[in-house]
């Protein structure tokens, strides 16, 4: 118990741990999609899950004027993310991406989706995000390779106006058009000023730097990512190397409060933390090779 308490104090107050290696960002999508600017709404207007990846310049997941991959097609047409996640996992395996970002959906036309505590490695500073405007033929919002280190250091704040894009995979002209696949696919284009949209944005994406972690922090985490942080209901823990065998949660006094065994031998875990009270916890991740590390988690 004493060792965990001392470790917690060390992680919180040791000023030597902080140098520019990994940054923690909050990303917020705020939708202002409305009938006055964007046409008569379909039934049940909503946004699919906001998903994405942070990566390096060796890979591009989507771009204006490019052809949509199967993953982007599925997101834009169906709001289904499995193929896109598989593309991200391939890029992780190839050393070109850090993590798959799995955000929430928005069940209404207006409102916000928050990605809080997103840890971005300096090796993968480009951020790509996408969400389907739904229902629609193949329409989406997206940002492609936003450079969080464009100035050579971590950007403190980035605000991006969002407009709707046509993925080029379906020829439908309105929200409720029947399925009409385009073969072969045509390039991704902007729908700004194209019916049913006028030239007004449908939302904004705000990216805000929360914290910069140093080299020693990354060595402590041993390439294990914990996201989001702070968290409310579910945490994602992933590793780039060996798979995890077990994850144990301790309170700041060193008392074990939760344990999770990885029975699937997966490198990416989603752990329900609804049973944890608001506060700070230490999360010990134990790998199959016997190595382990500890990270701090704030539960809100």
C-alpha atoms as a PDB file:
ATOM      1  CA  UNK A   1       0.000   0.000   0.000  1.00  0.00           C
ATOM      2  CA  UNK A   2       2.802   2.395   0.902  1.00  0.00           C
ATOM      3  CA  UNK A   3       4.540   1.806  -2.437  1.00  0.00           C
ATOM      4  CA  UNK A   4       1.411   2.688  -4.423  1.00  0.00           C
ATOM      5  CA  UNK A   5       0.823   5.831  -2.371  1.00  0.00           C
ATOM      6  CA  UNK A   6       4.394   6.988  -2.953  1.00  0.00           C
ATOM      7  CA  UNK A   7       4.122   6.208  -6.664  1.00  0.00           C
ATOM      8  CA  UNK A   8       0.923   8.249  -6.899  1.00  0.00           C
ATOM      9  CA  UNK A   9       2.613  11.243  -5.247  1.00  0.00           C
ATOM     10  CA  UNK A  10       5.629  10.828  -7.552  1.00  0.00           C
ATOM     11  CA  UNK A  11       3.486  10.793 -10.691  1.00  0.00           C
ATOM     12  CA  UNK A  12       1.502  13.820  -9.567  1.00  0.00           C
ATOM     13  CA  UNK A  13       4.243  16.121  -8.340  1.00  0.00           C
ATOM     14  CA  UNK A  14       7.572  15.239  -9.937  1.00  0.00           C
ATOM     15  CA  UNK A  15       8.203  18.187 -12.330  1.00  0.00           C
ATOM     16  CA  UNK A  16      11.052  16.402 -14.132  1.00  0.00           C
ATOM     17  CA  UNK A  17       8.617  14.078 -15.893  1.00  0.00           C
ATOM     18  CA  UNK A  18       7.340  16.659 -18.350  1.00  0.00           C
ATOM     19  CA  UNK A  19       8.924  17.266 -21.730  1.00  0.00           C
ATOM     20  CA  UNK A  20       7.474  17.303 -25.206  1.00  0.00           C
ATOM     21  CA  UNK A  21       6.900  13.711 -26.220  1.00  0.00           C
ATOM     22  CA  UNK A  22       3.206  12.918 -25.879  1.00  0.00           C
ATOM     23  CA  UNK A  23       0.308  15.360 -25.593  1.00  0.00           C
ATOM     24  CA  UNK A  24      -3.115  14.945 -24.040  1.00  0.00           C
ATOM     25  CA  UNK A  25      -5.944  16.597 -25.994  1.00  0.00           C
ATOM     26  CA  UNK A  26      -9.655  17.122 -25.581  1.00  0.00           C
ATOM     27  CA  UNK A  27     -11.523  17.021 -28.900  1.00  0.00           C
ATOM     28  CA  UNK A  28     -15.115  18.263 -29.099  1.00  0.00           C
ATOM     29  CA  UNK A  29     -17.437  18.096 -32.107  1.00  0.00           C
ATOM     30  CA  UNK A  30     -20.297  20.598 -31.782  1.00  0.00           C
ATOM     31  CA  UNK A  31     -23.133  20.114 -34.310  1.00  0.00           C
ATOM     32  CA  UNK A  32     -25.343  22.987 -35.458  1.00  0.00           C
ATOM     33  CA  UNK A  33     -26.982  20.992 -38.275  1.00  0.00           C
ATOM     34  CA  UNK A  34     -30.352  22.680 -38.881  1.00  0.00           C
ATOM     35  CA  UNK A  35     -33.215  22.768 -41.387  1.00  0.00           C
ATOM     36  CA  UNK A  36     -32.841  26.471 -42.230  1.00  0.00           C
ATOM     37  CA  UNK A  37     -29.335  25.987 -43.613  1.00  0.00           C
ATOM     38  CA  UNK A  38     -29.242  22.317 -44.532  1.00  0.00           C
ATOM     39  CA  UNK A  39     -32.628  21.356 -45.947  1.00  0.00           C
ATOM     40  CA  UNK A  40     -35.741  19.693 -44.558  1.00  0.00           C
ATOM     41  CA  UNK A  41     -34.689  17.062 -42.055  1.00  0.00           C
ATOM     42  CA  UNK A  42     -35.229  13.362 -42.604  1.00  0.00           C
ATOM     43  CA  UNK A  43     -36.848  11.239 -39.912  1.00  0.00           C
ATOM     44  CA  UNK A  44     -34.557  10.620 -36.955  1.00  0.00           C
ATOM     45  CA  UNK A  45     -31.692  12.999 -37.819  1.00  0.00           C
ATOM     46  CA  UNK A  46     -28.517  11.969 -35.995  1.00  0.00           C
ATOM     47  CA  UNK A  47     -24.756  11.467 -36.260  1.00  0.00           C
ATOM     48  CA  UNK A  48     -22.993   8.114 -36.271  1.00  0.00           C
ATOM     49  CA  UNK A  49     -20.107   7.454 -33.905  1.00  0.00           C
ATOM     50  CA  UNK A  50     -17.203   9.865 -34.286  1.00  0.00           C
ATOM     51  CA  UNK A  51     -14.301   7.569 -35.110  1.00  0.00           C
ATOM     52  CA  UNK A  52     -10.773   8.145 -36.221  1.00  0.00           C
ATOM     53  CA  UNK A  53      -7.075   7.605 -35.827  1.00  0.00           C
ATOM     54  CA  UNK A  54      -3.877   9.489 -35.101  1.00  0.00           C
ATOM     55  CA  UNK A  55      -1.117   8.614 -37.509  1.00  0.00           C
ATOM     56  CA  UNK A  56       2.014   9.717 -39.365  1.00  0.00           C
ATOM     57  CA  UNK A  57       2.439  11.122 -42.873  1.00  0.00           C
ATOM     58  CA  UNK A  58       3.021   7.701 -44.439  1.00  0.00           C
ATOM     59  CA  UNK A  59      -0.715   6.952 -44.495  1.00  0.00           C
ATOM     60  CA  UNK A  60      -3.834   8.853 -45.610  1.00  0.00           C
ATOM     61  CA  UNK A  61      -7.244   7.519 -44.631  1.00  0.00           C
ATOM     62  CA  UNK A  62      -9.332   9.950 -46.663  1.00  0.00           C
ATOM     63  CA  UNK A  63      -8.894  13.184 -48.591  1.00  0.00           C
ATOM     64  CA  UNK A  64     -10.917  15.599 -50.664  1.00  0.00           C
ATOM     65  CA  UNK A  65     -10.551  14.522 -54.302  1.00  0.00           C
ATOM     66  CA  UNK A  66      -9.502  11.012 -53.307  1.00  0.00           C
ATOM     67  CA  UNK A  67     -11.445   7.761 -53.602  1.00  0.00           C
ATOM     68  CA  UNK A  68     -13.113   6.453 -50.451  1.00  0.00           C
ATOM     69  CA  UNK A  69     -11.796   3.220 -48.989  1.00  0.00           C
ATOM     70  CA  UNK A  70     -14.204   0.463 -47.990  1.00  0.00           C
ATOM     71  CA  UNK A  71     -13.939   1.675 -44.414  1.00  0.00           C
ATOM     72  CA  UNK A  72     -14.863   5.260 -45.286  1.00  0.00           C
ATOM     73  CA  UNK A  73     -17.685   4.034 -47.565  1.00  0.00           C
ATOM     74  CA  UNK A  74     -19.196   2.010 -44.724  1.00  0.00           C
ATOM     75  CA  UNK A  75     -18.998   4.930 -42.305  1.00  0.00           C
ATOM     76  CA  UNK A  76     -20.515   7.408 -44.794  1.00  0.00           C
ATOM     77  CA  UNK A  77     -23.295   5.125 -46.081  1.00  0.00           C
ATOM     78  CA  UNK A  78     -24.154   2.990 -43.069  1.00  0.00           C
ATOM     79  CA  UNK A  79     -22.518   4.469 -39.991  1.00  0.00           C
ATOM     80  CA  UNK A  80     -20.762   1.107 -39.568  1.00  0.00           C
ATOM     81  CA  UNK A  81     -17.123   1.304 -38.473  1.00  0.00           C
ATOM     82  CA  UNK A  82     -15.756  -2.261 -38.564  1.00  0.00           C
ATOM     83  CA  UNK A  83     -13.951  -1.986 -41.916  1.00  0.00           C
ATOM     84  CA  UNK A  84     -12.495   1.415 -41.013  1.00  0.00           C
ATOM     85  CA  UNK A  85     -11.254   0.058 -37.676  1.00  0.00           C
ATOM     86  CA  UNK A  86      -9.630  -2.833 -39.553  1.00  0.00           C
ATOM     87  CA  UNK A  87      -7.842  -0.335 -41.828  1.00  0.00           C
ATOM     88  CA  UNK A  88      -6.579   1.496 -38.764  1.00  0.00           C
ATOM     89  CA  UNK A  89      -5.397  -1.733 -37.139  1.00  0.00           C
ATOM     90  CA  UNK A  90      -3.456  -2.602 -40.306  1.00  0.00           C
ATOM     91  CA  UNK A  91      -1.766   0.793 -40.162  1.00  0.00           C
ATOM     92  CA  UNK A  92      -0.936   0.251 -36.475  1.00  0.00           C
ATOM     93  CA  UNK A  93       0.656  -3.073 -37.359  1.00  0.00           C
ATOM     94  CA  UNK A  94       2.642  -1.379 -40.135  1.00  0.00           C
ATOM     95  CA  UNK A  95       3.913   1.290 -37.736  1.00  0.00           C
ATOM     96  CA  UNK A  96       1.974   4.164 -39.316  1.00  0.00           C
ATOM     97  CA  UNK A  97      -0.715   4.780 -36.685  1.00  0.00           C
ATOM     98  CA  UNK A  98      -0.944   4.834 -32.919  1.00  0.00           C
ATOM     99  CA  UNK A  99      -4.547   4.039 -32.057  1.00  0.00           C
ATOM    100  CA  UNK A 100      -8.116   3.651 -33.234  1.00  0.00           C
ATOM    101  CA  UNK A 101     -10.290   6.414 -31.781  1.00  0.00           C
ATOM    102  CA  UNK A 102     -13.768   5.189 -30.878  1.00  0.00           C
ATOM    103  CA  UNK A 103     -16.042   8.106 -29.962  1.00  0.00           C
ATOM    104  CA  UNK A 104     -19.736   8.294 -29.178  1.00  0.00           C
ATOM    105  CA  UNK A 105     -22.654   8.840 -31.522  1.00  0.00           C
ATOM    106  CA  UNK A 106     -25.045  11.792 -31.280  1.00  0.00           C
ATOM    107  CA  UNK A 107     -28.734  10.816 -31.294  1.00  0.00           C
ATOM    108  CA  UNK A 108     -29.934  14.315 -32.241  1.00  0.00           C
ATOM    109  CA  UNK A 109     -29.171  16.814 -35.006  1.00  0.00           C
ATOM    110  CA  UNK A 110     -27.558  19.303 -32.628  1.00  0.00           C
ATOM    111  CA  UNK A 111     -25.348  18.676 -29.643  1.00  0.00           C
ATOM    112  CA  UNK A 112     -21.786  17.582 -28.919  1.00  0.00           C
ATOM    113  CA  UNK A 113     -19.539  14.545 -29.040  1.00  0.00           C
ATOM    114  CA  UNK A 114     -16.512  14.685 -26.740  1.00  0.00           C
ATOM    115  CA  UNK A 115     -13.230  12.806 -26.988  1.00  0.00           C
ATOM    116  CA  UNK A 116     -11.521  13.606 -23.697  1.00  0.00           C
ATOM    117  CA  UNK A 117      -7.992  12.762 -22.606  1.00  0.00           C
ATOM    118  CA  UNK A 118      -6.809  11.620 -26.029  1.00  0.00           C
ATOM    119  CA  UNK A 119      -3.091  10.772 -25.791  1.00  0.00           C
ATOM    120  CA  UNK A 120      -1.195  11.640 -28.975  1.00  0.00           C
ATOM    121  CA  UNK A 121       2.374  10.477 -29.509  1.00  0.00           C
ATOM    122  CA  UNK A 122       4.838  12.802 -31.209  1.00  0.00           C
ATOM    123  CA  UNK A 123       5.460   9.967 -33.682  1.00  0.00           C
ATOM    124  CA  UNK A 124       1.791  10.082 -34.791  1.00  0.00           C
ATOM    125  CA  UNK A 125       0.723  13.752 -34.662  1.00  0.00           C
ATOM    126  CA  UNK A 126      -1.839  13.723 -37.500  1.00  0.00           C
ATOM    127  CA  UNK A 127      -5.500  13.438 -36.526  1.00  0.00           C
ATOM    128  CA  UNK A 128      -8.213  12.031 -38.825  1.00  0.00           C
ATOM    129  CA  UNK A 129     -11.874  11.840 -37.759  1.00  0.00           C
ATOM    130  CA  UNK A 130     -15.110  10.950 -39.550  1.00  0.00           C
ATOM    131  CA  UNK A 131     -18.847  10.655 -38.777  1.00  0.00           C
ATOM    132  CA  UNK A 132     -21.903   9.973 -40.951  1.00  0.00           C
ATOM    133  CA  UNK A 133     -24.648  12.585 -41.166  1.00  0.00           C
ATOM    134  CA  UNK A 134     -27.627  10.288 -40.891  1.00  0.00           C
ATOM    135  CA  UNK A 135     -29.701   9.220 -42.562  1.00  0.00           C
ATOM    136  CA  UNK A 136     -28.105  10.086 -45.892  1.00  0.00           C
ATOM    137  CA  UNK A 137     -26.855   8.385 -49.068  1.00  0.00           C
ATOM    138  CA  UNK A 138     -23.116   8.705 -48.335  1.00  0.00           C
ATOM    139  CA  UNK A 139     -22.626  12.036 -46.573  1.00  0.00           C
ATOM    140  CA  UNK A 140     -20.204  12.683 -43.776  1.00  0.00           C
ATOM    141  CA  UNK A 141     -18.128  15.183 -41.877  1.00  0.00           C
ATOM    142  CA  UNK A 142     -14.421  14.547 -41.763  1.00  0.00           C
ATOM    143  CA  UNK A 143     -11.038  16.034 -40.950  1.00  0.00           C
ATOM    144  CA  UNK A 144      -7.987  14.607 -42.662  1.00  0.00           C
ATOM    145  CA  UNK A 145      -4.547  14.538 -41.096  1.00  0.00           C
ATOM    146  CA  UNK A 146      -4.841  17.617 -38.883  1.00  0.00           C
ATOM    147  CA  UNK A 147      -1.265  18.277 -37.779  1.00  0.00           C
ATOM    148  CA  UNK A 148      -1.141  18.815 -34.035  1.00  0.00           C
ATOM    149  CA  UNK A 149       2.534  19.808 -34.336  1.00  0.00           C
ATOM    150  CA  UNK A 150       2.348  22.021 -37.429  1.00  0.00           C
ATOM    151  CA  UNK A 151       4.464  24.709 -35.762  1.00  0.00           C
ATOM    152  CA  UNK A 152       7.051  22.222 -34.492  1.00  0.00           C
ATOM    153  CA  UNK A 153       5.534  22.129 -31.013  1.00  0.00           C
ATOM    154  CA  UNK A 154       2.186  20.918 -29.727  1.00  0.00           C
ATOM    155  CA  UNK A 155      -0.637  23.196 -30.882  1.00  0.00           C
ATOM    156  CA  UNK A 156      -2.538  24.658 -27.931  1.00  0.00           C
ATOM    157  CA  UNK A 157      -5.874  25.093 -29.687  1.00  0.00           C
ATOM    158  CA  UNK A 158      -7.311  24.345 -33.122  1.00  0.00           C
ATOM    159  CA  UNK A 159     -10.857  25.194 -34.219  1.00  0.00           C
ATOM    160  CA  UNK A 160     -12.114  23.801 -37.530  1.00  0.00           C
ATOM    161  CA  UNK A 161     -15.380  24.670 -39.270  1.00  0.00           C
ATOM    162  CA  UNK A 162     -17.034  21.510 -40.553  1.00  0.00           C
ATOM    163  CA  UNK A 163     -18.943  21.079 -43.812  1.00  0.00           C
ATOM    164  CA  UNK A 164     -20.556  17.997 -45.304  1.00  0.00           C
ATOM    165  CA  UNK A 165     -18.686  15.798 -47.791  1.00  0.00           C
ATOM    166  CA  UNK A 166     -20.028  13.345 -50.353  1.00  0.00           C
ATOM    167  CA  UNK A 167     -18.047  10.092 -50.151  1.00  0.00           C
ATOM    168  CA  UNK A 168     -18.573   9.433 -53.874  1.00  0.00           C
ATOM    169  CA  UNK A 169     -19.985   5.952 -53.348  1.00  0.00           C
ATOM    170  CA  UNK A 170     -23.747   6.567 -53.761  1.00  0.00           C
ATOM    171  CA  UNK A 171     -25.585   8.849 -56.207  1.00  0.00           C
ATOM    172  CA  UNK A 172     -28.494   9.762 -53.903  1.00  0.00           C
ATOM    173  CA  UNK A 173     -29.453  13.453 -53.959  1.00  0.00           C
ATOM    174  CA  UNK A 174     -31.375  13.858 -50.704  1.00  0.00           C
ATOM    175  CA  UNK A 175     -31.405  12.521 -47.166  1.00  0.00           C
ATOM    176  CA  UNK A 176     -33.864   9.693 -47.834  1.00  0.00           C
ATOM    177  CA  UNK A 177     -32.768   8.660 -51.336  1.00  0.00           C
ATOM    178  CA  UNK A 178     -32.833   4.891 -51.941  1.00  0.00           C
ATOM    179  CA  UNK A 179     -29.524   3.093 -52.207  1.00  0.00           C
ATOM    180  CA  UNK A 180     -27.827   3.785 -55.568  1.00  0.00           C
ATOM    181  CA  UNK A 181     -24.222   2.637 -55.551  1.00  0.00           C
ATOM    182  CA  UNK A 182     -21.710   4.297 -57.866  1.00  0.00           C
ATOM    183  CA  UNK A 183     -19.364   1.890 -59.651  1.00  0.00           C
ATOM    184  CA  UNK A 184     -16.585   2.751 -59.894  1.00  0.00           C
ATOM    185  CA  UNK A 185     -16.533   5.239 -57.044  1.00  0.00           C
ATOM    186  CA  UNK A 186     -15.967   8.898 -57.803  1.00  0.00           C
ATOM    187  CA  UNK A 187     -13.792  11.314 -55.795  1.00  0.00           C
ATOM    188  CA  UNK A 188     -14.839  12.662 -52.412  1.00  0.00           C
ATOM    189  CA  UNK A 189     -16.299  16.163 -52.853  1.00  0.00           C
ATOM    190  CA  UNK A 190     -17.624  18.995 -50.712  1.00  0.00           C
ATOM    191  CA  UNK A 191     -21.391  19.544 -50.552  1.00  0.00           C
ATOM    192  CA  UNK A 192     -21.054  23.148 -49.402  1.00  0.00           C
ATOM    193  CA  UNK A 193     -23.509  25.117 -51.538  1.00  0.00           C
ATOM    194  CA  UNK A 194     -24.968  21.930 -53.027  1.00  0.00           C
ATOM    195  CA  UNK A 195     -28.632  21.105 -52.254  1.00  0.00           C
ATOM    196  CA  UNK A 196     -29.880  20.429 -49.668  1.00  0.00           C
ATOM    197  CA  UNK A 197     -26.997  22.360 -48.081  1.00  0.00           C
ATOM    198  CA  UNK A 198     -26.174  26.037 -48.363  1.00  0.00           C
ATOM    199  CA  UNK A 199     -22.723  27.416 -47.607  1.00  0.00           C
ATOM    200  CA  UNK A 200     -23.175  27.458 -43.825  1.00  0.00           C
ATOM    201  CA  UNK A 201     -21.145  25.040 -41.723  1.00  0.00           C
ATOM    202  CA  UNK A 202     -22.815  22.124 -39.935  1.00  0.00           C
ATOM    203  CA  UNK A 203     -20.556  22.295 -36.916  1.00  0.00           C
ATOM    204  CA  UNK A 204     -17.135  22.904 -35.449  1.00  0.00           C
ATOM    205  CA  UNK A 205     -14.333  20.721 -34.169  1.00  0.00           C
ATOM    206  CA  UNK A 206     -12.384  22.147 -31.244  1.00  0.00           C
ATOM    207  CA  UNK A 207      -9.048  20.545 -30.324  1.00  0.00           C
ATOM    208  CA  UNK A 208      -7.569  21.736 -27.033  1.00  0.00           C
ATOM    209  CA  UNK A 209      -4.231  20.810 -25.472  1.00  0.00           C
ATOM    210  CA  UNK A 210      -4.630  19.696 -21.856  1.00  0.00           C
ATOM    211  CA  UNK A 211      -1.209  18.404 -20.888  1.00  0.00           C
ATOM    212  CA  UNK A 212       2.201  17.494 -22.284  1.00  0.00           C
ATOM    213  CA  UNK A 213       3.860  14.330 -21.009  1.00  0.00           C
ATOM    214  CA  UNK A 214       7.605  13.794 -21.002  1.00  0.00           C
ATOM    215  CA  UNK A 215       9.957  10.975 -21.944  1.00  0.00           C
ATOM    216  CA  UNK A 216       9.825   9.396 -18.509  1.00  0.00           C
ATOM    217  CA  UNK A 217       6.039   9.262 -18.629  1.00  0.00           C
ATOM    218  CA  UNK A 218       6.146   7.292 -21.873  1.00  0.00           C
ATOM    219  CA  UNK A 219       8.767   4.900 -20.513  1.00  0.00           C
ATOM    220  CA  UNK A 220       6.542   4.355 -17.493  1.00  0.00           C
ATOM    221  CA  UNK A 221       3.547   3.450 -19.658  1.00  0.00           C
ATOM    222  CA  UNK A 222       5.652   1.055 -21.762  1.00  0.00           C
ATOM    223  CA  UNK A 223       3.645   1.765 -24.943  1.00  0.00           C
ATOM    224  CA  UNK A 224       0.334   1.019 -23.236  1.00  0.00           C
ATOM    225  CA  UNK A 225      -2.336   3.599 -24.001  1.00  0.00           C
ATOM    226  CA  UNK A 226      -5.254   4.356 -21.690  1.00  0.00           C
ATOM    227  CA  UNK A 227      -8.117   6.352 -23.217  1.00  0.00           C
ATOM    228  CA  UNK A 228     -10.101   8.414 -22.464  1.00  0.00           C
ATOM    229  CA  UNK A 229      -8.573  10.010 -19.397  1.00  0.00           C
ATOM    230  CA  UNK A 230     -10.530  11.404 -17.564  1.00  0.00           C
ATOM    231  CA  UNK A 231     -13.166   8.699 -18.100  1.00  0.00           C
ATOM    232  CA  UNK A 232     -16.761   8.200 -17.039  1.00  0.00           C
ATOM    233  CA  UNK A 233     -18.020   4.743 -17.965  1.00  0.00           C
ATOM    234  CA  UNK A 234     -15.555   2.824 -20.177  1.00  0.00           C
ATOM    235  CA  UNK A 235     -11.780   2.922 -20.639  1.00  0.00           C
ATOM    236  CA  UNK A 236      -9.879   1.572 -23.612  1.00  0.00           C
ATOM    237  CA  UNK A 237      -6.465   0.070 -22.865  1.00  0.00           C
ATOM    238  CA  UNK A 238      -4.292  -0.937 -25.806  1.00  0.00           C
ATOM    239  CA  UNK A 239      -0.722  -2.059 -26.334  1.00  0.00           C
ATOM    240  CA  UNK A 240       1.513  -1.975 -29.385  1.00  0.00           C
ATOM    241  CA  UNK A 241       3.603  -4.974 -28.326  1.00  0.00           C
ATOM    242  CA  UNK A 242       2.584  -8.007 -26.264  1.00  0.00           C
ATOM    243  CA  UNK A 243      -1.036  -8.601 -25.270  1.00  0.00           C
ATOM    244  CA  UNK A 244      -2.236  -7.965 -21.737  1.00  0.00           C
ATOM    245  CA  UNK A 245      -3.128 -10.695 -19.275  1.00  0.00           C
ATOM    246  CA  UNK A 246      -4.744  -8.614 -16.549  1.00  0.00           C
ATOM    247  CA  UNK A 247      -5.591  -5.054 -15.547  1.00  0.00           C
ATOM    248  CA  UNK A 248      -5.950  -4.084 -11.890  1.00  0.00           C
ATOM    249  CA  UNK A 249      -7.385  -0.844 -10.503  1.00  0.00           C
ATOM    250  CA  UNK A 250      -6.215   0.588  -7.159  1.00  0.00           C
ATOM    251  CA  UNK A 251      -7.409   3.600  -5.219  1.00  0.00           C
ATOM    252  CA  UNK A 252      -4.825   6.177  -4.093  1.00  0.00           C
ATOM    253  CA  UNK A 253      -4.308   4.304  -0.809  1.00  0.00           C
ATOM    254  CA  UNK A 254      -3.238   1.209  -2.699  1.00  0.00           C
ATOM    255  CA  UNK A 255      -6.429  -0.811  -2.142  1.00  0.00           C
ATOM    256  CA  UNK A 256      -7.425  -3.051  -5.057  1.00  0.00           C
ATOM    257  CA  UNK A 257     -10.924  -2.014  -6.170  1.00  0.00           C
ATOM    258  CA  UNK A 258     -11.318  -3.763  -9.540  1.00  0.00           C
ATOM    259  CA  UNK A 259      -9.619  -6.474 -11.566  1.00  0.00           C
ATOM    260  CA  UNK A 260     -10.117  -7.413 -15.217  1.00  0.00           C
ATOM    261  CA  UNK A 261      -8.734 -10.612 -16.803  1.00  0.00           C
ATOM    262  CA  UNK A 262      -8.091 -10.589 -20.551  1.00  0.00           C
ATOM    263  CA  UNK A 263      -9.525 -13.933 -21.658  1.00  0.00           C
ATOM    264  CA  UNK A 264      -9.448 -13.074 -25.368  1.00  0.00           C
ATOM    265  CA  UNK A 265      -5.685 -12.393 -25.524  1.00  0.00           C
ATOM    266  CA  UNK A 266      -6.510  -9.103 -27.252  1.00  0.00           C
ATOM    267  CA  UNK A 267      -4.163  -6.108 -27.505  1.00  0.00           C
ATOM    268  CA  UNK A 268      -7.128  -3.745 -27.116  1.00  0.00           C
ATOM    269  CA  UNK A 269      -9.440  -3.909 -24.112  1.00  0.00           C
ATOM    270  CA  UNK A 270     -12.657  -2.035 -23.295  1.00  0.00           C
ATOM    271  CA  UNK A 271     -13.284  -2.074 -19.542  1.00  0.00           C
ATOM    272  CA  UNK A 272     -16.509  -0.967 -17.847  1.00  0.00           C
ATOM    273  CA  UNK A 273     -15.689   1.340 -14.907  1.00  0.00           C
ATOM    274  CA  UNK A 274     -19.236   2.316 -13.905  1.00  0.00           C
ATOM    275  CA  UNK A 275     -18.659   0.635 -10.542  1.00  0.00           C
ATOM    276  CA  UNK A 276     -15.832   3.044  -9.686  1.00  0.00           C
ATOM    277  CA  UNK A 277     -16.598   6.196  -7.735  1.00  0.00           C
ATOM    278  CA  UNK A 278     -15.419   9.614  -8.865  1.00  0.00           C
ATOM    279  CA  UNK A 279     -11.739  10.062  -8.057  1.00  0.00           C
ATOM    280  CA  UNK A 280      -8.150   9.190  -8.960  1.00  0.00           C
ATOM    281  CA  UNK A 281      -7.047   5.589  -9.474  1.00  0.00           C
ATOM    282  CA  UNK A 282      -3.856   3.771 -10.358  1.00  0.00           C
ATOM    283  CA  UNK A 283      -4.256   1.280 -13.199  1.00  0.00           C
ATOM    284  CA  UNK A 284      -1.738  -1.566 -13.277  1.00  0.00           C
ATOM    285  CA  UNK A 285      -1.532  -3.347 -16.632  1.00  0.00           C
ATOM    286  CA  UNK A 286       0.163  -6.748 -16.597  1.00  0.00           C
ATOM    287  CA  UNK A 287       1.405  -8.198 -19.890  1.00  0.00           C
ATOM    288  CA  UNK A 288       1.621 -11.851 -20.846  1.00  0.00           C
ATOM    289  CA  UNK A 289       5.430 -11.648 -20.768  1.00  0.00           C
ATOM    290  CA  UNK A 290       5.297 -10.721 -17.078  1.00  0.00           C
ATOM    291  CA  UNK A 291       6.089  -7.018 -17.480  1.00  0.00           C
ATOM    292  CA  UNK A 292       3.773  -4.441 -15.956  1.00  0.00           C
ATOM    293  CA  UNK A 293       3.283  -0.712 -15.567  1.00  0.00           C
ATOM    294  CA  UNK A 294       1.069   1.745 -13.751  1.00  0.00           C
ATOM    295  CA  UNK A 295      -0.894   4.706 -15.087  1.00  0.00           C
ATOM    296  CA  UNK A 296      -2.997   7.286 -13.356  1.00  0.00           C
ATOM    297  CA  UNK A 297      -6.723   7.475 -14.228  1.00  0.00           C
ATOM    298  CA  UNK A 298      -9.227  10.144 -13.280  1.00  0.00           C
ATOM    299  CA  UNK A 299     -12.825   8.903 -13.067  1.00  0.00           C
ATOM    300  CA  UNK A 300     -15.453  11.624 -13.373  1.00  0.00           C
END
